Amino acid sequence: MSTDLTGLSYVVMNLIGRNGAGPHDLVQMARRGQRLYWAGAESKIYAEPKRLEKLGYLTSEKMSGKTRERTYYRLTQTGIHALQEWLALPSRFPRIQSDAAIRVQASDLADDPGIVLESLDGLREEIAELAAILDESERREAQFPHRQRQLKLLHSLGRRLLRAHLEWIDEVEHELGPRPSAMTFRTEGTQLARDDR
C-alpha cells in the first residue's frame, strides 16, 4: 500500500468512482451525507484530486460547465489498483470524537447537570438535519444503479448511527434527570431517524 495515500485519498477516489467527478461534485457529495462516515474539511476535499493526479492515481480533463470550464477527474489504472489493495485491508473501528460523551462524563463536576442536558439539544437538532440528508440520499439511490446495494448498506449504517445517538440521548436524559422541555422536544427529522426502515 502506498504511503502517499491518506484516508481522505481513499474517500476522494471512492467518490470519483467509475463515473468520475469534479472537485465541486466531491464537496457536494460530502455535504450530502458523507460526514456521517468521514470528517474532512472542504478545502482538503478540493485540493486532494490535484495531489492524486500528480501522483498518477487520477487523470483530469477540462469540460465546459454552466458558467466556466471545469476540471473533471477519473481514476487511472494505478488509482483503481490502489483502491483494490486498500479494500482488502482490515477495517478498523472508527475514531470517535464526541463532545457530548465527554460532557456527560464530566457532568458530575457541574453545579447543575441540567446544563449538560441542554447542551444535547444541539446534537438532537443535528441528528434531525442528518436524517433529512439521509432521506434525500435515499431518494437519489436510483441515480447510481452500479452502487445501489452499497448505498443501501451505507444508508442503513447512517440510520443506525443516528438511532443509537437518539437512544443514548434519551438514556442520558433519563439518568441525569429529564427537563420538562426535553420530554416534549422532538423534531420531525428526529422521528424519521428513529423509524426502522
N, C-alpha and C. Protein backbone atom coordinates (compact mmCIF):
# COMPACT_ATOMS: atom_id res chain seq x y z
N MET A 1 0.84 -1.18 0.00
CA MET A 1 0.00 0.00 0.00
C MET A 1 0.89 1.24 0.00
N SER A 2 0.50 2.23 -0.78
CA SER A 2 1.30 3.43 -0.93
C SER A 2 1.25 4.30 0.33
N THR A 3 2.40 4.84 0.68
CA THR A 3 2.45 5.77 1.81
C THR A 3 2.03 7.18 1.37
N ASP A 4 1.85 7.38 0.05
CA ASP A 4 1.39 8.68 -0.46
C ASP A 4 -0.09 8.91 -0.18
N LEU A 5 -0.80 7.84 0.13
CA LEU A 5 -2.25 7.92 0.25
C LEU A 5 -2.70 8.00 1.70
N THR A 6 -3.69 8.84 1.93
CA THR A 6 -4.27 9.02 3.26
C THR A 6 -5.70 8.49 3.25
N GLY A 7 -6.34 8.49 4.40
CA GLY A 7 -7.75 8.12 4.45
C GLY A 7 -8.58 8.99 3.52
N LEU A 8 -8.28 10.29 3.48
CA LEU A 8 -9.01 11.21 2.60
C LEU A 8 -8.79 10.85 1.14
N SER A 9 -7.58 10.37 0.80
CA SER A 9 -7.31 9.96 -0.59
C SER A 9 -8.28 8.89 -1.03
N TYR A 10 -8.51 7.90 -0.16
CA TYR A 10 -9.42 6.81 -0.50
C TYR A 10 -10.87 7.28 -0.56
N VAL A 11 -11.24 8.21 0.31
CA VAL A 11 -12.58 8.78 0.26
C VAL A 11 -12.79 9.47 -1.09
N VAL A 12 -11.83 10.28 -1.50
CA VAL A 12 -11.94 11.02 -2.77
C VAL A 12 -11.98 10.05 -3.95
N MET A 13 -11.09 9.06 -3.97
CA MET A 13 -11.10 8.11 -5.09
C MET A 13 -12.40 7.32 -5.13
N ASN A 14 -12.93 6.97 -3.95
CA ASN A 14 -14.21 6.28 -3.89
C ASN A 14 -15.32 7.15 -4.47
N LEU A 15 -15.37 8.42 -4.11
CA LEU A 15 -16.41 9.31 -4.60
C LEU A 15 -16.27 9.55 -6.11
N ILE A 16 -15.06 9.58 -6.60
CA ILE A 16 -14.84 9.72 -8.05
C ILE A 16 -15.36 8.47 -8.75
N GLY A 17 -15.07 7.32 -8.16
CA GLY A 17 -15.65 6.06 -8.62
C GLY A 17 -15.53 5.78 -10.10
N ARG A 18 -16.49 5.03 -10.62
CA ARG A 18 -16.49 4.62 -12.04
C ARG A 18 -16.77 5.78 -12.98
N ASN A 19 -17.58 6.73 -12.53
CA ASN A 19 -18.09 7.75 -13.45
C ASN A 19 -17.29 9.05 -13.46
N GLY A 20 -16.36 9.22 -12.53
CA GLY A 20 -15.60 10.45 -12.48
C GLY A 20 -16.37 11.56 -11.77
N ALA A 21 -15.66 12.63 -11.43
CA ALA A 21 -16.28 13.76 -10.74
C ALA A 21 -15.32 14.93 -10.72
N GLY A 22 -15.89 16.10 -10.55
CA GLY A 22 -15.09 17.31 -10.37
C GLY A 22 -15.00 17.65 -8.89
N PRO A 23 -14.07 18.53 -8.49
CA PRO A 23 -13.93 18.89 -7.08
C PRO A 23 -15.23 19.40 -6.46
N HIS A 24 -15.98 20.21 -7.22
CA HIS A 24 -17.25 20.73 -6.70
C HIS A 24 -18.22 19.58 -6.44
N ASP A 25 -18.25 18.59 -7.35
CA ASP A 25 -19.11 17.41 -7.17
C ASP A 25 -18.74 16.67 -5.89
N LEU A 26 -17.43 16.54 -5.66
CA LEU A 26 -16.95 15.81 -4.48
C LEU A 26 -17.42 16.50 -3.19
N VAL A 27 -17.32 17.81 -3.16
CA VAL A 27 -17.75 18.55 -1.97
C VAL A 27 -19.26 18.41 -1.79
N GLN A 28 -20.02 18.47 -2.89
CA GLN A 28 -21.47 18.30 -2.79
C GLN A 28 -21.81 16.91 -2.26
N MET A 29 -21.11 15.87 -2.75
CA MET A 29 -21.36 14.52 -2.25
C MET A 29 -21.04 14.43 -0.76
N ALA A 30 -19.95 15.07 -0.36
CA ALA A 30 -19.57 15.05 1.05
C ALA A 30 -20.63 15.74 1.91
N ARG A 31 -21.17 16.84 1.40
CA ARG A 31 -22.21 17.56 2.14
C ARG A 31 -23.49 16.73 2.26
N ARG A 32 -23.75 15.89 1.26
CA ARG A 32 -24.99 15.12 1.23
C ARG A 32 -24.91 13.85 2.06
N GLY A 33 -24.08 13.80 3.04
CA GLY A 33 -24.14 12.64 3.92
C GLY A 33 -22.83 11.97 4.21
N GLN A 34 -21.80 12.31 3.45
CA GLN A 34 -20.52 11.66 3.70
C GLN A 34 -20.02 11.95 5.11
N ARG A 35 -20.43 13.09 5.67
CA ARG A 35 -19.94 13.45 7.00
C ARG A 35 -20.39 12.48 8.09
N LEU A 36 -21.39 11.67 7.79
CA LEU A 36 -21.77 10.61 8.73
C LEU A 36 -20.68 9.55 8.84
N TYR A 37 -19.88 9.43 7.78
CA TYR A 37 -18.91 8.34 7.71
C TYR A 37 -17.46 8.81 7.69
N TRP A 38 -17.25 10.08 7.35
CA TRP A 38 -15.88 10.59 7.28
C TRP A 38 -15.89 12.09 7.49
N ALA A 39 -15.00 12.57 8.35
CA ALA A 39 -14.90 14.01 8.60
C ALA A 39 -13.70 14.56 7.84
N GLY A 40 -13.94 15.55 7.01
CA GLY A 40 -12.86 16.18 6.26
C GLY A 40 -13.25 17.59 5.85
N ALA A 41 -12.30 18.48 5.91
CA ALA A 41 -12.57 19.87 5.54
C ALA A 41 -12.78 19.99 4.04
N GLU A 42 -13.71 20.85 3.65
CA GLU A 42 -13.99 21.04 2.23
C GLU A 42 -12.74 21.46 1.47
N SER A 43 -11.92 22.31 2.06
CA SER A 43 -10.71 22.77 1.37
C SER A 43 -9.79 21.60 1.04
N LYS A 44 -9.73 20.62 1.93
CA LYS A 44 -8.89 19.44 1.67
C LYS A 44 -9.50 18.56 0.59
N ILE A 45 -10.83 18.47 0.57
CA ILE A 45 -11.50 17.68 -0.47
C ILE A 45 -11.25 18.33 -1.83
N TYR A 46 -11.29 19.66 -1.90
CA TYR A 46 -11.00 20.36 -3.15
C TYR A 46 -9.56 20.11 -3.60
N ALA A 47 -8.63 20.11 -2.67
CA ALA A 47 -7.21 20.02 -3.02
C ALA A 47 -6.74 18.60 -3.34
N GLU A 48 -7.38 17.61 -2.76
CA GLU A 48 -6.89 16.23 -2.88
C GLU A 48 -6.84 15.70 -4.31
N PRO A 49 -7.83 15.97 -5.17
CA PRO A 49 -7.73 15.45 -6.54
C PRO A 49 -6.49 15.91 -7.29
N LYS A 50 -6.10 17.17 -7.13
CA LYS A 50 -4.88 17.66 -7.79
C LYS A 50 -3.67 16.88 -7.31
N ARG A 51 -3.60 16.66 -6.02
CA ARG A 51 -2.47 15.91 -5.45
C ARG A 51 -2.46 14.48 -5.99
N LEU A 52 -3.64 13.86 -6.04
CA LEU A 52 -3.72 12.49 -6.54
C LEU A 52 -3.37 12.40 -8.03
N GLU A 53 -3.71 13.45 -8.77
CA GLU A 53 -3.35 13.46 -10.19
C GLU A 53 -1.83 13.53 -10.35
N LYS A 54 -1.18 14.38 -9.57
CA LYS A 54 0.29 14.49 -9.64
C LYS A 54 0.96 13.16 -9.31
N LEU A 55 0.33 12.38 -8.44
CA LEU A 55 0.88 11.08 -8.05
C LEU A 55 0.51 9.96 -9.01
N GLY A 56 -0.35 10.25 -9.99
CA GLY A 56 -0.70 9.27 -11.00
C GLY A 56 -1.93 8.43 -10.70
N TYR A 57 -2.68 8.76 -9.66
CA TYR A 57 -3.87 7.99 -9.30
C TYR A 57 -5.12 8.47 -10.04
N LEU A 58 -5.08 9.70 -10.50
CA LEU A 58 -6.21 10.29 -11.24
C LEU A 58 -5.69 10.93 -12.52
N THR A 59 -6.58 11.09 -13.46
CA THR A 59 -6.32 11.88 -14.66
C THR A 59 -7.43 12.92 -14.74
N SER A 60 -7.17 14.02 -15.41
CA SER A 60 -8.20 15.06 -15.49
C SER A 60 -8.38 15.53 -16.91
N GLU A 61 -9.53 16.11 -17.15
CA GLU A 61 -9.81 16.77 -18.41
C GLU A 61 -10.66 17.99 -18.12
N LYS A 62 -10.57 18.97 -19.01
CA LYS A 62 -11.39 20.18 -18.88
C LYS A 62 -12.69 19.96 -19.63
N MET A 63 -13.79 20.32 -18.96
CA MET A 63 -15.11 20.20 -19.58
C MET A 63 -15.85 21.52 -19.38
N SER A 64 -16.72 21.83 -20.32
CA SER A 64 -17.47 23.08 -20.16
C SER A 64 -18.53 22.90 -19.08
N GLY A 65 -18.67 23.91 -18.26
CA GLY A 65 -19.66 23.91 -17.18
C GLY A 65 -20.71 24.95 -17.46
N LYS A 66 -21.57 25.20 -16.48
CA LYS A 66 -22.66 26.17 -16.66
C LYS A 66 -22.11 27.58 -16.88
N THR A 67 -21.11 27.95 -16.09
CA THR A 67 -20.58 29.32 -16.19
C THR A 67 -19.13 29.37 -16.64
N ARG A 68 -18.38 28.29 -16.43
CA ARG A 68 -16.96 28.28 -16.83
C ARG A 68 -16.50 26.84 -17.00
N GLU A 69 -15.29 26.72 -17.49
CA GLU A 69 -14.71 25.40 -17.70
C GLU A 69 -14.44 24.72 -16.35
N ARG A 70 -14.69 23.42 -16.29
CA ARG A 70 -14.49 22.66 -15.05
C ARG A 70 -13.47 21.56 -15.27
N THR A 71 -12.76 21.23 -14.20
CA THR A 71 -11.86 20.08 -14.24
C THR A 71 -12.63 18.87 -13.78
N TYR A 72 -12.50 17.79 -14.53
CA TYR A 72 -13.21 16.55 -14.25
C TYR A 72 -12.17 15.44 -14.09
N TYR A 73 -12.24 14.72 -12.98
CA TYR A 73 -11.24 13.69 -12.67
C TYR A 73 -11.80 12.29 -12.88
N ARG A 74 -10.91 11.40 -13.30
CA ARG A 74 -11.22 9.98 -13.42
C ARG A 74 -10.08 9.18 -12.80
N LEU A 75 -10.42 8.00 -12.34
CA LEU A 75 -9.40 7.10 -11.79
C LEU A 75 -8.53 6.55 -12.92
N THR A 76 -7.24 6.45 -12.67
CA THR A 76 -6.34 5.75 -13.58
C THR A 76 -6.27 4.29 -13.14
N GLN A 77 -5.61 3.45 -13.92
CA GLN A 77 -5.42 2.06 -13.51
C GLN A 77 -4.65 1.99 -12.20
N THR A 78 -3.70 2.91 -12.02
CA THR A 78 -2.96 2.97 -10.75
C THR A 78 -3.90 3.29 -9.60
N GLY A 79 -4.83 4.21 -9.82
CA GLY A 79 -5.82 4.56 -8.80
C GLY A 79 -6.73 3.40 -8.47
N ILE A 80 -7.20 2.71 -9.50
CA ILE A 80 -8.07 1.56 -9.28
C ILE A 80 -7.32 0.47 -8.51
N HIS A 81 -6.07 0.22 -8.91
CA HIS A 81 -5.26 -0.79 -8.23
C HIS A 81 -5.04 -0.41 -6.75
N ALA A 82 -4.77 0.87 -6.48
CA ALA A 82 -4.57 1.33 -5.10
C ALA A 82 -5.85 1.13 -4.28
N LEU A 83 -7.00 1.44 -4.86
CA LEU A 83 -8.28 1.24 -4.17
C LEU A 83 -8.51 -0.25 -3.90
N GLN A 84 -8.21 -1.08 -4.88
CA GLN A 84 -8.40 -2.53 -4.70
C GLN A 84 -7.51 -3.07 -3.59
N GLU A 85 -6.27 -2.60 -3.51
CA GLU A 85 -5.38 -3.02 -2.41
C GLU A 85 -5.94 -2.58 -1.07
N TRP A 86 -6.41 -1.34 -1.03
CA TRP A 86 -6.96 -0.78 0.21
C TRP A 86 -8.21 -1.52 0.65
N LEU A 87 -9.06 -1.90 -0.31
CA LEU A 87 -10.29 -2.62 0.02
C LEU A 87 -10.02 -3.94 0.74
N ALA A 88 -8.87 -4.54 0.46
CA ALA A 88 -8.53 -5.83 1.06
C ALA A 88 -7.97 -5.72 2.48
N LEU A 89 -7.65 -4.51 2.90
CA LEU A 89 -7.09 -4.32 4.25
C LEU A 89 -8.18 -4.45 5.31
N PRO A 90 -7.81 -4.87 6.53
CA PRO A 90 -8.82 -4.96 7.60
C PRO A 90 -9.41 -3.59 7.94
N SER A 91 -10.71 -3.56 8.12
CA SER A 91 -11.37 -2.32 8.57
C SER A 91 -11.19 -2.21 10.08
N ARG A 92 -11.09 -0.99 10.55
CA ARG A 92 -10.93 -0.74 11.99
C ARG A 92 -12.14 0.00 12.52
N PHE A 93 -12.29 -0.08 13.82
CA PHE A 93 -13.38 0.68 14.44
C PHE A 93 -13.09 2.16 14.22
N PRO A 94 -14.12 2.96 13.88
CA PRO A 94 -13.89 4.37 13.58
C PRO A 94 -13.43 5.16 14.80
N ARG A 95 -12.60 6.15 14.52
CA ARG A 95 -12.20 7.08 15.58
C ARG A 95 -13.38 7.98 15.89
N ILE A 96 -13.67 8.12 17.15
CA ILE A 96 -14.84 8.91 17.54
C ILE A 96 -14.37 10.06 18.43
N GLN A 97 -14.85 11.24 18.15
CA GLN A 97 -14.60 12.39 19.00
C GLN A 97 -15.96 12.99 19.33
N SER A 98 -16.49 12.60 20.47
CA SER A 98 -17.83 13.02 20.85
C SER A 98 -17.78 14.02 21.99
N ASP A 99 -18.08 15.28 21.68
CA ASP A 99 -18.20 16.31 22.73
C ASP A 99 -19.25 15.89 23.75
N ALA A 100 -20.36 15.36 23.22
CA ALA A 100 -21.48 15.01 24.10
C ALA A 100 -21.07 13.96 25.12
N ALA A 101 -20.34 12.95 24.69
CA ALA A 101 -19.91 11.89 25.62
C ALA A 101 -19.01 12.46 26.71
N ILE A 102 -18.11 13.35 26.34
CA ILE A 102 -17.20 13.94 27.33
C ILE A 102 -17.96 14.85 28.28
N ARG A 103 -18.94 15.60 27.75
CA ARG A 103 -19.76 16.45 28.63
C ARG A 103 -20.53 15.61 29.64
N VAL A 104 -21.10 14.50 29.17
CA VAL A 104 -21.84 13.63 30.09
C VAL A 104 -20.90 13.07 31.15
N GLN A 105 -19.72 12.65 30.74
CA GLN A 105 -18.76 12.11 31.71
C GLN A 105 -18.37 13.16 32.75
N ALA A 106 -18.25 14.41 32.30
CA ALA A 106 -17.83 15.48 33.21
C ALA A 106 -19.00 16.12 33.96
N SER A 107 -20.22 15.65 33.72
CA SER A 107 -21.40 16.31 34.30
C SER A 107 -21.42 16.24 35.82
N ASP A 108 -20.67 15.31 36.41
CA ASP A 108 -20.62 15.27 37.88
C ASP A 108 -19.91 16.49 38.45
N LEU A 109 -19.18 17.21 37.59
CA LEU A 109 -18.47 18.41 38.03
C LEU A 109 -19.33 19.68 37.90
N ALA A 110 -20.48 19.53 37.27
CA ALA A 110 -21.36 20.69 37.06
C ALA A 110 -22.19 20.95 38.31
N ASP A 111 -22.42 22.23 38.61
CA ASP A 111 -23.32 22.58 39.71
C ASP A 111 -24.74 22.10 39.39
N ASP A 112 -25.08 22.17 38.09
CA ASP A 112 -26.41 21.75 37.65
C ASP A 112 -26.26 20.86 36.42
N PRO A 113 -26.46 19.55 36.54
CA PRO A 113 -26.34 18.66 35.38
C PRO A 113 -27.30 19.01 34.25
N GLY A 114 -28.31 19.82 34.58
CA GLY A 114 -29.26 20.25 33.55
C GLY A 114 -28.59 21.00 32.40
N ILE A 115 -27.47 21.67 32.68
CA ILE A 115 -26.78 22.38 31.59
C ILE A 115 -26.23 21.39 30.57
N VAL A 116 -25.86 20.21 31.03
CA VAL A 116 -25.38 19.19 30.11
C VAL A 116 -26.55 18.68 29.27
N LEU A 117 -27.70 18.50 29.91
CA LEU A 117 -28.88 18.07 29.15
C LEU A 117 -29.24 19.11 28.09
N GLU A 118 -29.15 20.38 28.43
CA GLU A 118 -29.44 21.43 27.47
C GLU A 118 -28.45 21.40 26.31
N SER A 119 -27.20 21.05 26.60
CA SER A 119 -26.19 21.00 25.54
C SER A 119 -26.50 19.92 24.51
N LEU A 120 -27.30 18.93 24.89
CA LEU A 120 -27.64 17.84 23.97
C LEU A 120 -28.71 18.25 22.94
N ASP A 121 -29.38 19.37 23.18
CA ASP A 121 -30.38 19.84 22.22
C ASP A 121 -29.75 20.06 20.84
N GLY A 122 -28.55 20.63 20.83
CA GLY A 122 -27.86 20.87 19.56
C GLY A 122 -27.57 19.57 18.82
N LEU A 123 -27.20 18.55 19.56
CA LEU A 123 -26.94 17.23 18.96
C LEU A 123 -28.23 16.66 18.38
N ARG A 124 -29.31 16.79 19.11
CA ARG A 124 -30.60 16.29 18.62
C ARG A 124 -30.99 17.01 17.33
N GLU A 125 -30.77 18.33 17.27
CA GLU A 125 -31.08 19.10 16.06
C GLU A 125 -30.20 18.65 14.89
N GLU A 126 -28.93 18.40 15.16
CA GLU A 126 -28.03 17.94 14.10
C GLU A 126 -28.44 16.56 13.59
N ILE A 127 -28.90 15.70 14.48
CA ILE A 127 -29.38 14.38 14.08
C ILE A 127 -30.58 14.53 13.15
N ALA A 128 -31.47 15.46 13.46
CA ALA A 128 -32.63 15.71 12.59
C ALA A 128 -32.17 16.17 11.21
N GLU A 129 -31.17 17.04 11.18
CA GLU A 129 -30.62 17.53 9.91
C GLU A 129 -30.00 16.36 9.11
N LEU A 130 -29.23 15.52 9.79
CA LEU A 130 -28.60 14.38 9.13
C LEU A 130 -29.64 13.37 8.64
N ALA A 131 -30.72 13.21 9.39
CA ALA A 131 -31.80 12.31 8.96
C ALA A 131 -32.42 12.83 7.66
N ALA A 132 -32.60 14.14 7.56
CA ALA A 132 -33.15 14.72 6.33
C ALA A 132 -32.19 14.53 5.16
N ILE A 133 -30.90 14.67 5.42
CA ILE A 133 -29.89 14.43 4.38
C ILE A 133 -29.94 12.97 3.92
N LEU A 134 -30.09 12.06 4.88
CA LEU A 134 -30.21 10.64 4.53
C LEU A 134 -31.46 10.38 3.70
N ASP A 135 -32.57 11.02 4.05
CA ASP A 135 -33.79 10.88 3.27
C ASP A 135 -33.53 11.26 1.81
N GLU A 136 -32.88 12.40 1.61
CA GLU A 136 -32.56 12.86 0.26
C GLU A 136 -31.61 11.90 -0.44
N SER A 137 -30.61 11.41 0.27
CA SER A 137 -29.66 10.46 -0.32
C SER A 137 -30.36 9.18 -0.75
N GLU A 138 -31.29 8.72 0.05
CA GLU A 138 -32.03 7.51 -0.30
C GLU A 138 -32.89 7.73 -1.54
N ARG A 139 -33.45 8.93 -1.69
CA ARG A 139 -34.24 9.22 -2.89
C ARG A 139 -33.36 9.23 -4.14
N ARG A 140 -32.09 9.52 -3.99
CA ARG A 140 -31.17 9.63 -5.12
C ARG A 140 -30.49 8.30 -5.47
N GLU A 141 -30.72 7.25 -4.70
CA GLU A 141 -30.04 5.97 -4.93
C GLU A 141 -30.20 5.47 -6.36
N ALA A 142 -31.38 5.63 -6.92
CA ALA A 142 -31.66 5.11 -8.27
C ALA A 142 -30.77 5.75 -9.34
N GLN A 143 -30.22 6.93 -9.04
CA GLN A 143 -29.33 7.59 -10.00
C GLN A 143 -27.98 6.90 -10.11
N PHE A 144 -27.72 5.96 -9.19
CA PHE A 144 -26.44 5.27 -9.17
C PHE A 144 -26.68 3.76 -9.17
N PRO A 145 -27.20 3.22 -10.28
CA PRO A 145 -27.56 1.79 -10.29
C PRO A 145 -26.38 0.87 -10.02
N HIS A 146 -25.17 1.29 -10.41
CA HIS A 146 -23.99 0.46 -10.18
C HIS A 146 -23.59 0.40 -8.70
N ARG A 147 -24.17 1.29 -7.88
CA ARG A 147 -23.84 1.32 -6.45
C ARG A 147 -25.07 1.23 -5.57
N GLN A 148 -26.16 0.80 -6.11
CA GLN A 148 -27.41 0.83 -5.35
C GLN A 148 -27.32 -0.03 -4.08
N ARG A 149 -26.80 -1.24 -4.18
CA ARG A 149 -26.69 -2.10 -2.99
C ARG A 149 -25.76 -1.49 -1.95
N GLN A 150 -24.64 -0.96 -2.42
CA GLN A 150 -23.68 -0.35 -1.50
C GLN A 150 -24.27 0.86 -0.80
N LEU A 151 -25.02 1.67 -1.54
CA LEU A 151 -25.64 2.85 -0.94
C LEU A 151 -26.69 2.46 0.09
N LYS A 152 -27.47 1.42 -0.21
CA LYS A 152 -28.48 0.95 0.76
C LYS A 152 -27.79 0.54 2.07
N LEU A 153 -26.67 -0.17 1.96
CA LEU A 153 -25.94 -0.60 3.15
C LEU A 153 -25.36 0.60 3.90
N LEU A 154 -24.83 1.56 3.16
CA LEU A 154 -24.27 2.77 3.79
C LEU A 154 -25.36 3.56 4.50
N HIS A 155 -26.51 3.70 3.85
CA HIS A 155 -27.62 4.44 4.46
C HIS A 155 -28.16 3.70 5.68
N SER A 156 -28.15 2.38 5.63
CA SER A 156 -28.57 1.60 6.79
C SER A 156 -27.65 1.89 7.98
N LEU A 157 -26.36 1.93 7.74
CA LEU A 157 -25.42 2.27 8.81
C LEU A 157 -25.70 3.68 9.33
N GLY A 158 -25.93 4.63 8.43
CA GLY A 158 -26.24 6.00 8.85
C GLY A 158 -27.46 6.06 9.74
N ARG A 159 -28.52 5.38 9.35
CA ARG A 159 -29.75 5.36 10.18
C ARG A 159 -29.46 4.76 11.55
N ARG A 160 -28.70 3.68 11.58
CA ARG A 160 -28.39 3.03 12.86
C ARG A 160 -27.56 3.94 13.77
N LEU A 161 -26.61 4.66 13.17
CA LEU A 161 -25.80 5.59 13.96
C LEU A 161 -26.68 6.69 14.56
N LEU A 162 -27.56 7.23 13.75
CA LEU A 162 -28.46 8.29 14.24
C LEU A 162 -29.39 7.76 15.32
N ARG A 163 -29.94 6.59 15.09
CA ARG A 163 -30.85 5.99 16.06
C ARG A 163 -30.12 5.71 17.37
N ALA A 164 -28.90 5.17 17.29
CA ALA A 164 -28.11 4.89 18.50
C ALA A 164 -27.86 6.17 19.30
N HIS A 165 -27.56 7.26 18.61
CA HIS A 165 -27.34 8.52 19.31
C HIS A 165 -28.62 9.03 19.97
N LEU A 166 -29.74 8.92 19.27
CA LEU A 166 -31.01 9.36 19.86
C LEU A 166 -31.36 8.53 21.09
N GLU A 167 -31.17 7.23 21.00
CA GLU A 167 -31.46 6.37 22.15
C GLU A 167 -30.54 6.71 23.32
N TRP A 168 -29.28 7.01 23.02
CA TRP A 168 -28.34 7.38 24.07
C TRP A 168 -28.74 8.71 24.72
N ILE A 169 -29.16 9.69 23.91
CA ILE A 169 -29.62 10.97 24.47
C ILE A 169 -30.80 10.73 25.40
N ASP A 170 -31.74 9.89 24.97
CA ASP A 170 -32.89 9.58 25.83
C ASP A 170 -32.43 8.96 27.15
N GLU A 171 -31.45 8.06 27.07
CA GLU A 171 -30.93 7.42 28.28
C GLU A 171 -30.26 8.44 29.20
N VAL A 172 -29.47 9.33 28.61
CA VAL A 172 -28.80 10.38 29.40
C VAL A 172 -29.85 11.25 30.08
N GLU A 173 -30.87 11.66 29.33
CA GLU A 173 -31.92 12.50 29.92
C GLU A 173 -32.61 11.77 31.07
N HIS A 174 -32.84 10.48 30.91
CA HIS A 174 -33.48 9.70 31.97
C HIS A 174 -32.58 9.59 33.20
N GLU A 175 -31.31 9.30 32.98
CA GLU A 175 -30.37 9.10 34.10
C GLU A 175 -30.02 10.39 34.82
N LEU A 176 -29.84 11.48 34.07
CA LEU A 176 -29.43 12.74 34.69
C LEU A 176 -30.60 13.60 35.11
N GLY A 177 -31.81 13.11 34.86
CA GLY A 177 -33.00 13.86 35.27
C GLY A 177 -33.54 14.68 34.14
N PRO A 178 -34.58 14.21 33.47
CA PRO A 178 -35.10 14.92 32.31
C PRO A 178 -35.66 16.29 32.67
N ARG A 179 -35.42 17.20 31.78
CA ARG A 179 -36.02 18.53 31.90
C ARG A 179 -37.39 18.50 31.25
N PRO A 180 -38.35 19.27 31.69
CA PRO A 180 -39.68 19.25 31.07
C PRO A 180 -39.63 19.53 29.58
N SER A 181 -38.80 20.49 29.13
CA SER A 181 -38.75 20.80 27.70
C SER A 181 -38.16 19.65 26.92
N ALA A 182 -37.23 18.89 27.50
CA ALA A 182 -36.61 17.77 26.80
C ALA A 182 -37.61 16.65 26.58
N MET A 183 -38.60 16.55 27.46
CA MET A 183 -39.58 15.48 27.33
C MET A 183 -40.50 15.72 26.14
N THR A 184 -40.72 16.98 25.78
CA THR A 184 -41.65 17.27 24.70
C THR A 184 -40.94 17.63 23.40
N PHE A 185 -39.65 17.94 23.45
CA PHE A 185 -38.93 18.39 22.26
C PHE A 185 -38.60 17.19 21.37
N ARG A 186 -39.21 17.11 20.22
CA ARG A 186 -38.89 16.10 19.22
C ARG A 186 -39.14 16.74 17.85
N THR A 187 -38.15 16.78 17.00
CA THR A 187 -38.36 17.35 15.68
C THR A 187 -38.81 16.25 14.73
N GLU A 188 -39.39 16.65 13.63
CA GLU A 188 -39.84 15.68 12.64
C GLU A 188 -38.68 14.84 12.14
N GLY A 189 -37.53 15.47 11.87
CA GLY A 189 -36.36 14.73 11.40
C GLY A 189 -35.87 13.74 12.43
N THR A 190 -35.99 14.10 13.71
CA THR A 190 -35.58 13.18 14.76
C THR A 190 -36.46 11.95 14.73
N GLN A 191 -37.74 12.14 14.54
CA GLN A 191 -38.64 10.98 14.47
C GLN A 191 -38.29 10.11 13.27
N LEU A 192 -37.95 10.73 12.14
CA LEU A 192 -37.58 9.95 10.97
C LEU A 192 -36.36 9.10 11.26
N ALA A 193 -35.42 9.65 12.01
CA ALA A 193 -34.21 8.88 12.31
C ALA A 193 -34.51 7.71 13.23
N ARG A 194 -35.59 7.82 14.01
CA ARG A 194 -35.94 6.74 14.94
C ARG A 194 -36.65 5.59 14.24
N ASP A 195 -37.34 5.88 13.15
CA ASP A 195 -38.14 4.86 12.49
C ASP A 195 -37.25 3.77 11.91
N ASP A 196 -37.67 2.53 12.09
CA ASP A 196 -36.97 1.43 11.43
C ASP A 196 -37.38 1.45 9.96
N ARG A 197 -36.41 1.26 9.11
CA ARG A 197 -36.71 1.28 7.66
C ARG A 197 -36.45 -0.06 7.08
